[in-house]
Amino acid sequence: MPETVFIDTGYILALVNENDQQHAEALALSQRFDGHPVVVTDAVLLEIGNAPPISTANPCQPRKLASMDYQGNLNLR
């Protein structure tokens, strides 16, 4: 079984925001750890929900996050 990966707020925000300075690195990490079980804490989810909108054209990042496919590998802690 693949190693479990903890994801934090910065990684998730960079992954969903194409204009983020770390977007390319976040994409590379998402490919590297594809299929690994993912752990995220309630605190991280709270920080994401409280983060400023990614853009005025797409102000609701939770929808974009909900569309991400974790293939049943996401564990909330």
Protein backbone atom coordinates (compact mmCIF):
# COMPACT_ATOMS: atom_id res chain seq x y z
CA MET A 1 0.00 0.00 0.00
CA PRO A 2 1.31 3.48 -0.87
CA GLU A 3 2.48 5.78 1.88
CA THR A 4 -0.16 8.16 3.34
CA VAL A 5 0.30 11.82 2.43
CA PHE A 6 -0.76 14.77 4.63
CA ILE A 7 -1.86 17.78 2.65
CA ASP A 8 -1.96 21.31 4.01
CA THR A 9 -3.69 24.53 3.12
CA GLY A 10 -0.87 26.03 1.06
CA TYR A 11 -0.63 22.96 -1.15
CA ILE A 12 -4.37 22.82 -1.83
CA LEU A 13 -4.68 26.53 -2.56
CA ALA A 14 -1.68 26.37 -4.91
CA LEU A 15 -3.13 23.33 -6.64
CA VAL A 16 -6.47 24.97 -7.44
CA ASN A 17 -5.11 28.44 -8.25
CA GLU A 18 -3.38 28.52 -11.63
CA ASN A 19 -1.94 31.96 -10.81
CA ASP A 20 -0.25 30.83 -7.57
CA GLN A 21 3.57 30.90 -7.62
CA GLN A 22 3.64 27.29 -6.38
CA HIS A 23 0.97 25.96 -8.78
CA ALA A 24 3.39 24.06 -11.03
CA GLU A 25 5.09 22.45 -8.03
CA ALA A 26 1.70 21.50 -6.52
CA LEU A 27 0.68 19.90 -9.82
CA ALA A 28 3.93 17.92 -9.94
CA LEU A 29 3.38 16.71 -6.37
CA SER A 30 -0.21 15.72 -7.14
CA GLN A 31 1.06 13.55 -9.99
CA ARG A 32 3.88 12.10 -7.90
CA PHE A 33 1.52 11.05 -5.11
CA ASP A 34 -1.44 10.06 -7.30
CA GLY A 35 -3.18 7.07 -5.76
CA HIS A 36 -1.70 7.59 -2.30
CA PRO A 37 -4.10 7.84 0.66
CA VAL A 38 -4.54 11.48 1.65
CA VAL A 39 -5.04 12.89 5.16
CA VAL A 40 -6.33 16.40 5.80
CA THR A 41 -7.30 17.93 9.14
CA ASP A 42 -10.41 19.88 10.03
CA ALA A 43 -8.14 22.89 10.60
CA VAL A 44 -6.92 22.75 7.00
CA LEU A 45 -10.51 22.60 5.71
CA LEU A 46 -11.39 25.58 7.91
CA GLU A 47 -8.42 27.57 6.57
CA ILE A 48 -9.40 26.76 2.98
CA GLY A 49 -12.97 27.85 3.62
CA ASN A 50 -11.73 31.11 5.14
CA ALA A 51 -9.17 31.82 2.41
CA PRO A 52 -9.81 34.79 0.12
CA PRO A 53 -11.52 33.91 -3.16
CA ILE A 54 -9.20 32.67 -5.88
CA SER A 55 -10.67 35.25 -8.24
CA THR A 56 -13.76 37.39 -8.55
CA ALA A 57 -14.74 35.27 -11.55
CA ASN A 58 -14.58 32.08 -9.46
CA PRO A 59 -15.18 33.13 -5.84
CA CYS A 60 -16.16 29.75 -4.46
CA GLN A 61 -13.08 27.53 -4.16
CA PRO A 62 -14.93 24.85 -2.14
CA ARG A 63 -16.78 23.91 -5.34
CA LYS A 64 -13.51 23.51 -7.18
CA LEU A 65 -12.10 21.48 -4.29
CA ALA A 66 -15.19 19.29 -4.22
CA SER A 67 -14.66 18.49 -7.89
CA MET A 68 -11.17 17.08 -7.22
CA ASP A 69 -11.05 13.30 -7.48
CA TYR A 70 -9.38 11.63 -4.53
CA GLN A 71 -10.57 8.15 -5.60
CA GLY A 72 -11.75 7.32 -2.09
CA ASN A 73 -8.30 8.01 -0.65
CA LEU A 74 -9.21 11.05 1.47
CA ASN A 75 -9.29 10.72 5.27
CA LEU A 76 -10.40 13.60 7.46
CA ARG A 77 -8.68 13.90 10.85
